[in-house]
C-alpha atoms as a PDB file:
ATOM      1  CA  UNK A   1      30.605 -25.041 -16.248  1.00  0.00           C
ATOM      2  CA  UNK A   2      27.614 -27.528 -14.573  1.00  0.00           C
ATOM      3  CA  UNK A   3      29.187 -27.601 -11.276  1.00  0.00           C
ATOM      4  CA  UNK A   4      29.561 -24.303 -10.608  1.00  0.00           C
ATOM      5  CA  UNK A   5      25.783 -23.464 -11.608  1.00  0.00           C
ATOM      6  CA  UNK A   6      24.096 -22.929  -8.429  1.00  0.00           C
ATOM      7  CA  UNK A   7      21.966 -25.216  -7.059  1.00  0.00           C
ATOM      8  CA  UNK A   8      18.600 -23.728  -8.318  1.00  0.00           C
ATOM      9  CA  UNK A   9      19.729 -23.311 -12.038  1.00  0.00           C
ATOM     10  CA  UNK A  10      20.813 -20.349 -13.722  1.00  0.00           C
ATOM     11  CA  UNK A  11      19.290 -17.032 -12.738  1.00  0.00           C
ATOM     12  CA  UNK A  12      17.225 -16.272 -15.453  1.00  0.00           C
ATOM     13  CA  UNK A  13      14.274 -13.820 -13.195  1.00  0.00           C
ATOM     14  CA  UNK A  14      13.403 -10.686 -15.085  1.00  0.00           C
ATOM     15  CA  UNK A  15      14.258  -8.558 -12.105  1.00  0.00           C
ATOM     16  CA  UNK A  16      16.519  -9.015  -9.482  1.00  0.00           C
ATOM     17  CA  UNK A  17      17.113  -7.427  -6.634  1.00  0.00           C
ATOM     18  CA  UNK A  18      20.834  -5.800  -4.773  1.00  0.00           C
ATOM     19  CA  UNK A  19      21.069  -9.210  -2.225  1.00  0.00           C
ATOM     20  CA  UNK A  20      24.347 -11.099  -3.429  1.00  0.00           C
ATOM     21  CA  UNK A  21      23.514 -14.294  -4.198  1.00  0.00           C
ATOM     22  CA  UNK A  22      24.032 -16.989  -2.661  1.00  0.00           C
ATOM     23  CA  UNK A  23      26.165 -14.981  -0.282  1.00  0.00           C
ATOM     24  CA  UNK A  24      24.784 -16.676   3.211  1.00  0.00           C
ATOM     25  CA  UNK A  25      23.743 -20.145   1.900  1.00  0.00           C
ATOM     26  CA  UNK A  26      24.363 -22.292  -1.306  1.00  0.00           C
ATOM     27  CA  UNK A  27      20.749 -22.676  -1.568  1.00  0.00           C
ATOM     28  CA  UNK A  28      18.920 -19.985  -1.218  1.00  0.00           C
ATOM     29  CA  UNK A  29      19.608 -16.818  -3.922  1.00  0.00           C
ATOM     30  CA  UNK A  30      18.917 -14.035  -1.838  1.00  0.00           C
ATOM     31  CA  UNK A  31      18.424 -15.674   2.028  1.00  0.00           C
ATOM     32  CA  UNK A  32      17.303 -12.524   4.160  1.00  0.00           C
ATOM     33  CA  UNK A  33      15.194 -11.432   1.214  1.00  0.00           C
ATOM     34  CA  UNK A  34      13.584 -15.207   0.861  1.00  0.00           C
ATOM     35  CA  UNK A  35      13.402 -15.285   5.356  1.00  0.00           C
ATOM     36  CA  UNK A  36      11.527 -11.658   5.605  1.00  0.00           C
ATOM     37  CA  UNK A  37       9.090 -13.025   3.343  1.00  0.00           C
ATOM     38  CA  UNK A  38       8.021 -15.374   5.322  1.00  0.00           C
ATOM     39  CA  UNK A  39       5.893 -11.935   7.556  1.00  0.00           C
ATOM     40  CA  UNK A  40       3.528 -12.549   4.916  1.00  0.00           C
ATOM     41  CA  UNK A  41       2.832 -16.199   5.614  1.00  0.00           C
ATOM     42  CA  UNK A  42       2.367 -15.260   9.196  1.00  0.00           C
ATOM     43  CA  UNK A  43       0.044 -12.208   9.420  1.00  0.00           C
ATOM     44  CA  UNK A  44      -2.004 -14.075   6.545  1.00  0.00           C
ATOM     45  CA  UNK A  45      -1.961 -17.164   8.076  1.00  0.00           C
ATOM     46  CA  UNK A  46      -3.200 -15.273  11.387  1.00  0.00           C
ATOM     47  CA  UNK A  47      -5.672 -13.163  10.260  1.00  0.00           C
ATOM     48  CA  UNK A  48      -7.436 -16.237   8.749  1.00  0.00           C
ATOM     49  CA  UNK A  49      -7.663 -18.066  11.764  1.00  0.00           C
ATOM     50  CA  UNK A  50      -9.402 -14.790  13.171  1.00  0.00           C
ATOM     51  CA  UNK A  51     -11.165 -14.532  10.409  1.00  0.00           C
ATOM     52  CA  UNK A  52     -12.762 -17.927  10.400  1.00  0.00           C
ATOM     53  CA  UNK A  53     -13.308 -17.822  14.643  1.00  0.00           C
ATOM     54  CA  UNK A  54     -15.123 -14.877  13.490  1.00  0.00           C
ATOM     55  CA  UNK A  55     -17.322 -16.202  10.682  1.00  0.00           C
ATOM     56  CA  UNK A  56     -16.655 -13.175   8.640  1.00  0.00           C
ATOM     57  CA  UNK A  57     -17.487 -12.743   5.258  1.00  0.00           C
ATOM     58  CA  UNK A  58     -15.441 -15.458   2.495  1.00  0.00           C
ATOM     59  CA  UNK A  59     -14.336 -12.350   1.277  1.00  0.00           C
ATOM     60  CA  UNK A  60     -12.704 -11.404   4.197  1.00  0.00           C
ATOM     61  CA  UNK A  61     -11.119 -14.906   4.601  1.00  0.00           C
ATOM     62  CA  UNK A  62      -9.854 -14.348   0.655  1.00  0.00           C
ATOM     63  CA  UNK A  63      -7.779 -10.893   1.745  1.00  0.00           C
ATOM     64  CA  UNK A  64      -5.730 -13.672   4.265  1.00  0.00           C
ATOM     65  CA  UNK A  65      -5.252 -16.492   2.068  1.00  0.00           C
ATOM     66  CA  UNK A  66      -4.398 -13.973  -0.872  1.00  0.00           C
ATOM     67  CA  UNK A  67      -1.330 -12.852   1.506  1.00  0.00           C
ATOM     68  CA  UNK A  68      -0.102 -16.027   2.273  1.00  0.00           C
ATOM     69  CA  UNK A  69      -0.215 -16.848  -1.441  1.00  0.00           C
ATOM     70  CA  UNK A  70       1.710 -13.902  -1.936  1.00  0.00           C
ATOM     71  CA  UNK A  71       4.291 -15.214   0.774  1.00  0.00           C
ATOM     72  CA  UNK A  72       4.978 -18.411  -0.393  1.00  0.00           C
ATOM     73  CA  UNK A  73       5.591 -17.386  -3.583  1.00  0.00           C
ATOM     74  CA  UNK A  74       7.801 -14.429  -2.522  1.00  0.00           C
ATOM     75  CA  UNK A  75       9.722 -16.988  -0.499  1.00  0.00           C
ATOM     76  CA  UNK A  76      10.349 -19.330  -3.616  1.00  0.00           C
ATOM     77  CA  UNK A  77      11.242 -15.968  -6.084  1.00  0.00           C
ATOM     78  CA  UNK A  78      14.055 -15.018  -3.604  1.00  0.00           C
ATOM     79  CA  UNK A  79      15.619 -18.263  -2.883  1.00  0.00           C
ATOM     80  CA  UNK A  80      15.821 -19.568  -6.245  1.00  0.00           C
ATOM     81  CA  UNK A  81      15.451 -16.230  -8.580  1.00  0.00           C
ATOM     82  CA  UNK A  82      13.972 -18.436 -11.400  1.00  0.00           C
ATOM     83  CA  UNK A  83      11.640 -16.612 -13.781  1.00  0.00           C
ATOM     84  CA  UNK A  84       8.736 -19.804 -13.090  1.00  0.00           C
ATOM     85  CA  UNK A  85       9.257 -18.871  -9.137  1.00  0.00           C
ATOM     86  CA  UNK A  86       8.729 -15.386 -10.267  1.00  0.00           C
ATOM     87  CA  UNK A  87       5.121 -15.443 -11.928  1.00  0.00           C
ATOM     88  CA  UNK A  88       4.539 -17.120  -8.286  1.00  0.00           C
ATOM     89  CA  UNK A  89       5.421 -14.134  -6.438  1.00  0.00           C
ATOM     90  CA  UNK A  90       4.232 -11.561  -8.479  1.00  0.00           C
ATOM     91  CA  UNK A  91       0.920 -13.396 -10.061  1.00  0.00           C
ATOM     92  CA  UNK A  92      -0.674 -14.057  -6.485  1.00  0.00           C
ATOM     93  CA  UNK A  93       0.130 -10.023  -6.346  1.00  0.00           C
ATOM     94  CA  UNK A  94      -2.515  -9.407  -8.518  1.00  0.00           C
ATOM     95  CA  UNK A  95      -4.890 -11.554  -7.454  1.00  0.00           C
ATOM     96  CA  UNK A  96      -4.519 -10.305  -3.653  1.00  0.00           C
ATOM     97  CA  UNK A  97      -5.374  -6.795  -5.042  1.00  0.00           C
ATOM     98  CA  UNK A  98      -8.390  -8.411  -6.498  1.00  0.00           C
ATOM     99  CA  UNK A  99      -9.043  -9.943  -3.182  1.00  0.00           C
ATOM    100  CA  UNK A 100      -9.225  -6.408  -1.687  1.00  0.00           C
ATOM    101  CA  UNK A 101     -11.761  -5.571  -4.153  1.00  0.00           C
ATOM    102  CA  UNK A 102     -13.787  -8.068  -3.857  1.00  0.00           C
ATOM    103  CA  UNK A 103     -13.928  -7.256  -0.244  1.00  0.00           C
ATOM    104  CA  UNK A 104     -15.623  -4.068  -1.269  1.00  0.00           C
ATOM    105  CA  UNK A 105     -18.700  -5.696  -3.278  1.00  0.00           C
ATOM    106  CA  UNK A 106     -22.014  -4.589  -2.148  1.00  0.00           C
ATOM    107  CA  UNK A 107     -20.396  -1.230  -0.546  1.00  0.00           C
ATOM    108  CA  UNK A 108     -20.688   0.813  -4.307  1.00  0.00           C
ATOM    109  CA  UNK A 109     -23.018   0.480  -6.875  1.00  0.00           C
ATOM    110  CA  UNK A 110     -21.748  -1.070  -9.789  1.00  0.00           C
ATOM    111  CA  UNK A 111     -20.057  -4.424  -7.957  1.00  0.00           C
ATOM    112  CA  UNK A 112     -23.774  -4.344  -6.024  1.00  0.00           C
ATOM    113  CA  UNK A 113     -26.079  -7.358  -6.518  1.00  0.00           C
ATOM    114  CA  UNK A 114     -25.571 -10.879  -8.676  1.00  0.00           C
ATOM    115  CA  UNK A 115     -25.264  -9.081 -12.188  1.00  0.00           C
ATOM    116  CA  UNK A 116     -23.057  -6.236 -10.580  1.00  0.00           C
ATOM    117  CA  UNK A 117     -20.526  -8.750  -8.746  1.00  0.00           C
ATOM    118  CA  UNK A 118     -20.223 -10.991 -11.753  1.00  0.00           C
ATOM    119  CA  UNK A 119     -19.920  -8.146 -14.090  1.00  0.00           C
ATOM    120  CA  UNK A 120     -16.862  -6.864 -11.784  1.00  0.00           C
ATOM    121  CA  UNK A 121     -15.405 -10.135 -11.366  1.00  0.00           C
ATOM    122  CA  UNK A 122     -15.793 -11.099 -15.097  1.00  0.00           C
ATOM    123  CA  UNK A 123     -13.991  -7.957 -16.324  1.00  0.00           C
ATOM    124  CA  UNK A 124     -11.124  -8.535 -13.388  1.00  0.00           C
ATOM    125  CA  UNK A 125      -9.968 -11.764 -14.547  1.00  0.00           C
ATOM    126  CA  UNK A 126      -9.480 -10.936 -17.784  1.00  0.00           C
ATOM    127  CA  UNK A 127      -7.807  -7.921 -17.052  1.00  0.00           C
ATOM    128  CA  UNK A 128      -5.403 -10.122 -14.700  1.00  0.00           C
ATOM    129  CA  UNK A 129      -5.082 -12.581 -17.936  1.00  0.00           C
ATOM    130  CA  UNK A 130      -4.306 -10.067 -20.133  1.00  0.00           C
ATOM    131  CA  UNK A 131      -1.858  -8.491 -18.102  1.00  0.00           C
ATOM    132  CA  UNK A 132      -0.313 -12.625 -17.041  1.00  0.00           C
ATOM    133  CA  UNK A 133      -0.397 -13.477 -20.715  1.00  0.00           C
ATOM    134  CA  UNK A 134       1.819 -10.298 -21.830  1.00  0.00           C
ATOM    135  CA  UNK A 135       4.131 -10.831 -19.333  1.00  0.00           C
ATOM    136  CA  UNK A 136       5.024 -14.079 -20.101  1.00  0.00           C
ATOM    137  CA  UNK A 137       4.749 -14.254 -24.159  1.00  0.00           C
ATOM    138  CA  UNK A 138       7.055 -10.830 -23.958  1.00  0.00           C
ATOM    139  CA  UNK A 139       9.045 -11.003 -20.873  1.00  0.00           C
ATOM    140  CA  UNK A 140       8.498  -7.217 -20.284  1.00  0.00           C
ATOM    141  CA  UNK A 141       8.856  -7.042 -16.350  1.00  0.00           C
ATOM    142  CA  UNK A 142       7.243  -2.997 -16.763  1.00  0.00           C
ATOM    143  CA  UNK A 143       4.348  -5.138 -18.104  1.00  0.00           C
ATOM    144  CA  UNK A 144       3.586  -6.195 -14.788  1.00  0.00           C
ATOM    145  CA  UNK A 145       5.011  -3.278 -12.796  1.00  0.00           C
ATOM    146  CA  UNK A 146       2.767  -1.334 -14.855  1.00  0.00           C
ATOM    147  CA  UNK A 147      -0.478  -3.546 -13.976  1.00  0.00           C
ATOM    148  CA  UNK A 148      -0.120  -3.787 -10.126  1.00  0.00           C
ATOM    149  CA  UNK A 149       0.579  -0.256  -9.960  1.00  0.00           C
ATOM    150  CA  UNK A 150      -2.780   0.402 -12.055  1.00  0.00           C
ATOM    151  CA  UNK A 151      -4.852  -2.195 -10.118  1.00  0.00           C
ATOM    152  CA  UNK A 152      -3.705  -0.212  -6.698  1.00  0.00           C
ATOM    153  CA  UNK A 153      -4.998   3.074  -7.829  1.00  0.00           C
ATOM    154  CA  UNK A 154      -7.733   1.646  -8.638  1.00  0.00           C
ATOM    155  CA  UNK A 155      -8.482   0.072  -5.725  1.00  0.00           C
ATOM    156  CA  UNK A 156      -7.453   3.659  -3.399  1.00  0.00           C
ATOM    157  CA  UNK A 157      -9.934   5.081  -5.464  1.00  0.00           C
ATOM    158  CA  UNK A 158     -12.652   2.763  -5.543  1.00  0.00           C
ATOM    159  CA  UNK A 159     -11.821   2.696  -1.031  1.00  0.00           C
ATOM    160  CA  UNK A 160     -12.737   6.747  -1.641  1.00  0.00           C
ATOM    161  CA  UNK A 161     -15.908   6.407  -3.492  1.00  0.00           C
ATOM    162  CA  UNK A 162     -17.027   4.224  -1.119  1.00  0.00           C
ATOM    163  CA  UNK A 163     -17.361   7.182   1.445  1.00  0.00           C
ATOM    164  CA  UNK A 164     -15.915   5.646   4.354  1.00  0.00           C
ATOM    165  CA  UNK A 165     -17.707   7.152   7.414  1.00  0.00           C
ATOM    166  CA  UNK A 166     -16.645   5.566  10.789  1.00  0.00           C
ATOM    167  CA  UNK A 167     -12.959   6.763  12.040  1.00  0.00           C
ATOM    168  CA  UNK A 168     -11.742   2.898  11.945  1.00  0.00           C
ATOM    169  CA  UNK A 169     -12.782   2.598   8.564  1.00  0.00           C
ATOM    170  CA  UNK A 170     -11.021   5.712   7.508  1.00  0.00           C
ATOM    171  CA  UNK A 171      -7.995   5.011   9.896  1.00  0.00           C
ATOM    172  CA  UNK A 172      -7.102   1.753   8.247  1.00  0.00           C
ATOM    173  CA  UNK A 173      -7.627   3.088   4.771  1.00  0.00           C
ATOM    174  CA  UNK A 174      -5.099   5.876   6.000  1.00  0.00           C
ATOM    175  CA  UNK A 175      -3.121   3.345   7.328  1.00  0.00           C
ATOM    176  CA  UNK A 176      -2.959   0.965   4.061  1.00  0.00           C
ATOM    177  CA  UNK A 177      -2.087   4.170   1.765  1.00  0.00           C
ATOM    178  CA  UNK A 178       0.679   5.434   3.907  1.00  0.00           C
ATOM    179  CA  UNK A 179       2.596   1.983   4.625  1.00  0.00           C
ATOM    180  CA  UNK A 180       2.015   0.864   0.261  1.00  0.00           C
ATOM    181  CA  UNK A 181       3.207   4.340  -0.496  1.00  0.00           C
ATOM    182  CA  UNK A 182       6.611   4.874   2.296  1.00  0.00           C
ATOM    183  CA  UNK A 183       7.142   0.750   0.788  1.00  0.00           C
ATOM    184  CA  UNK A 184       7.089   1.811  -2.815  1.00  0.00           C
ATOM    185  CA  UNK A 185       9.358   4.456  -2.400  1.00  0.00           C
ATOM    186  CA  UNK A 186      12.049   2.470  -0.512  1.00  0.00           C
ATOM    187  CA  UNK A 187      11.734  -0.185  -3.282  1.00  0.00           C
ATOM    188  CA  UNK A 188      12.208   2.536  -5.725  1.00  0.00           C
ATOM    189  CA  UNK A 189      15.494   3.907  -3.457  1.00  0.00           C
ATOM    190  CA  UNK A 190      16.740   0.530  -3.626  1.00  0.00           C
ATOM    191  CA  UNK A 191      16.268  -0.372  -7.141  1.00  0.00           C
ATOM    192  CA  UNK A 192      18.229   3.239  -8.321  1.00  0.00           C
ATOM    193  CA  UNK A 193      20.493   3.230  -5.733  1.00  0.00           C
ATOM    194  CA  UNK A 194      21.566   0.002  -5.440  1.00  0.00           C
ATOM    195  CA  UNK A 195      24.354  -0.196  -8.698  1.00  0.00           C
ATOM    196  CA  UNK A 196      26.515   2.824  -7.168  1.00  0.00           C
ATOM    197  CA  UNK A 197      25.526   1.878  -3.470  1.00  0.00           C
ATOM    198  CA  UNK A 198      24.692  -1.869  -3.060  1.00  0.00           C
ATOM    199  CA  UNK A 199      24.951  -1.899   0.850  1.00  0.00           C
ATOM    200  CA  UNK A 200      21.558  -0.944   0.184  1.00  0.00           C
ATOM    201  CA  UNK A 201      20.264  -4.177  -0.347  1.00  0.00           C
ATOM    202  CA  UNK A 202      18.424  -4.613   3.172  1.00  0.00           C
ATOM    203  CA  UNK A 203      15.774  -1.771   2.072  1.00  0.00           C
ATOM    204  CA  UNK A 204      13.665  -4.354   0.062  1.00  0.00           C
ATOM    205  CA  UNK A 205      12.918  -6.410   3.124  1.00  0.00           C
ATOM    206  CA  UNK A 206      11.982  -2.974   4.569  1.00  0.00           C
ATOM    207  CA  UNK A 207       9.444  -3.353   1.190  1.00  0.00           C
ATOM    208  CA  UNK A 208       8.297  -6.300   2.736  1.00  0.00           C
ATOM    209  CA  UNK A 209       7.738  -5.515   6.125  1.00  0.00           C
ATOM    210  CA  UNK A 210       5.136  -1.966   4.865  1.00  0.00           C
ATOM    211  CA  UNK A 211       3.860  -4.040   2.179  1.00  0.00           C
ATOM    212  CA  UNK A 212       2.908  -6.870   4.571  1.00  0.00           C
ATOM    213  CA  UNK A 213       1.129  -4.327   6.782  1.00  0.00           C
ATOM    214  CA  UNK A 214      -0.241  -2.089   4.049  1.00  0.00           C
ATOM    215  CA  UNK A 215      -2.205  -5.488   3.177  1.00  0.00           C
ATOM    216  CA  UNK A 216      -3.383  -6.393   6.734  1.00  0.00           C
ATOM    217  CA  UNK A 217      -4.561  -2.788   6.834  1.00  0.00           C
ATOM    218  CA  UNK A 218      -6.462  -2.545   3.567  1.00  0.00           C
ATOM    219  CA  UNK A 219      -8.368  -6.230   4.615  1.00  0.00           C
ATOM    220  CA  UNK A 220      -9.467  -5.021   7.993  1.00  0.00           C
ATOM    221  CA  UNK A 221     -10.215  -1.887   6.460  1.00  0.00           C
ATOM    222  CA  UNK A 222     -12.238  -4.277   3.926  1.00  0.00           C
ATOM    223  CA  UNK A 223     -14.302  -5.804   7.965  1.00  0.00           C
ATOM    224  CA  UNK A 224     -15.042  -2.077   8.547  1.00  0.00           C
ATOM    225  CA  UNK A 225     -16.184  -1.198   5.313  1.00  0.00           C
ATOM    226  CA  UNK A 226     -18.972  -4.157   5.381  1.00  0.00           C
ATOM    227  CA  UNK A 227     -19.808  -3.262   8.246  1.00  0.00           C
ATOM    228  CA  UNK A 228     -20.567   0.535   8.083  1.00  0.00           C
ATOM    229  CA  UNK A 229     -21.917   0.009   4.551  1.00  0.00           C
ATOM    230  CA  UNK A 230     -23.788  -3.452   4.827  1.00  0.00           C
ATOM    231  CA  UNK A 231     -25.327  -2.686   8.395  1.00  0.00           C
ATOM    232  CA  UNK A 232     -26.716   0.711   7.093  1.00  0.00           C
ATOM    233  CA  UNK A 233     -28.263  -0.609   4.354  1.00  0.00           C
ATOM    234  CA  UNK A 234     -30.134  -2.323   6.561  1.00  0.00           C
ATOM    235  CA  UNK A 235     -31.058   0.037   8.943  1.00  0.00           C
ATOM    236  CA  UNK A 236     -33.191   1.649   6.255  1.00  0.00           C
ATOM    237  CA  UNK A 237     -35.812  -0.882   6.490  1.00  0.00           C
ATOM    238  CA  UNK A 238     -38.532  -1.088   8.882  1.00  0.00           C
ATOM    239  CA  UNK A 239     -37.736  -3.062  11.907  1.00  0.00           C
ATOM    240  CA  UNK A 240     -39.917  -6.494  12.458  1.00  0.00           C
ATOM    241  CA  UNK A 241     -42.333  -5.698  14.528  1.00  0.00           C
ATOM    242  CA  UNK A 242     -43.741  -2.649  12.309  1.00  0.00           C
ATOM    243  CA  UNK A 243     -44.152  -5.285   9.368  1.00  0.00           C
ATOM    244  CA  UNK A 244     -46.531  -6.637  12.189  1.00  0.00           C
ATOM    245  CA  UNK A 245     -48.570  -4.025  13.199  1.00  0.00           C
ATOM    246  CA  UNK A 246     -49.003  -3.012   9.581  1.00  0.00           C
ATOM    247  CA  UNK A 247     -50.271  -6.642   8.676  1.00  0.00           C
ATOM    248  CA  UNK A 248     -54.122  -6.614   8.077  1.00  0.00           C
ATOM    249  CA  UNK A 249     -56.000  -9.038   9.812  1.00  0.00           C
ATOM    250  CA  UNK A 250     -57.274 -12.587   8.679  1.00  0.00           C
ATOM    251  CA  UNK A 251     -60.448 -12.496   6.792  1.00  0.00           C
ATOM    252  CA  UNK A 252     -61.969 -14.724   8.726  1.00  0.00           C
ATOM    253  CA  UNK A 253     -61.929 -12.182  11.721  1.00  0.00           C
ATOM    254  CA  UNK A 254     -62.253  -8.868  10.129  1.00  0.00           C
ATOM    255  CA  UNK A 255     -66.478  -9.428   8.978  1.00  0.00           C
ATOM    256  CA  UNK A 256     -67.668 -11.629  12.402  1.00  0.00           C
ATOM    257  CA  UNK A 257     -67.913 -10.478  15.854  1.00  0.00           C
ATOM    258  CA  UNK A 258     -67.552 -12.998  18.895  1.00  0.00           C
ATOM    259  CA  UNK A 259     -70.285 -13.063  21.206  1.00  0.00           C
ATOM    260  CA  UNK A 260     -68.155 -11.465  23.485  1.00  0.00           C
ATOM    261  CA  UNK A 261     -67.675  -8.370  21.344  1.00  0.00           C
ATOM    262  CA  UNK A 262     -71.631  -8.519  20.396  1.00  0.00           C
ATOM    263  CA  UNK A 263     -72.009  -8.821  24.049  1.00  0.00           C
ATOM    264  CA  UNK A 264     -69.805  -5.986  25.003  1.00  0.00           C
ATOM    265  CA  UNK A 265     -71.445  -3.878  22.010  1.00  0.00           C
ATOM    266  CA  UNK A 266     -74.958  -4.246  23.088  1.00  0.00           C
ATOM    267  CA  UNK A 267     -74.207  -3.024  26.635  1.00  0.00           C
ATOM    268  CA  UNK A 268     -72.325   0.210  25.456  1.00  0.00           C
ATOM    269  CA  UNK A 269     -74.952   0.859  23.276  1.00  0.00           C
ATOM    270  CA  UNK A 270     -77.897  -0.133  26.229  1.00  0.00           C
ATOM    271  CA  UNK A 271     -75.769   2.570  28.497  1.00  0.00           C
ATOM    272  CA  UNK A 272     -75.226   5.138  26.174  1.00  0.00           C
ATOM    273  CA  UNK A 273     -78.994   5.786  25.496  1.00  0.00           C
ATOM    274  CA  UNK A 274     -80.111   5.766  29.429  1.00  0.00           C
END
């Protein structure tokens, strides 16, 4: 009956979670999962404000914006459990990983320079488009899961290829991998034990917290990585005063002596002959 339908309509998400639906509020399908998604919005908003205050590279700011968008999409998805809102959660997750990758531009060879950056962005956007179109057309949740998983693994591999040297860069990388890895394990635990132990549904909120922390550490890692790599590249070029010292004298002065210089030369010659 239409009167018994949930306020947001029939649940048609490709993937559902363990939290009892509409048990806490008649207006929110998964109240606590939706509320815990706000951690992305808060963390991304604070990070973006600090990045703008410190005038950090736009690539870093894009990471914080993507984290906010993921949070908004996650709130909408858990609040409604509708497939359209699920896409608002999962597609931004792919773009969040893309933002992590773009944050490493000019830090590794094939993503350096205008041509390298443009080539990487076009390939990445094409892969995201193929993944999303396939997911929507086939309604197979595993397409998103594998796409996101491969993107995260590529991100980790690219981090290793960048060969970070400073302890801050390495520490942030390790923390990001630890958070996302532990969070994924907890997420899998909730999914696999949901049928036998439905009271484990709060574990998805732990995934939200740990994945958010992983995203924060990934963005801060990019801040330190760009500082490390771009500064080291600039340090190979001679400082400005070296160029100034090596510059040739103007042509008009090179072949002509001033009167003072001629007088000094004459006096030195006379002194040398006495």
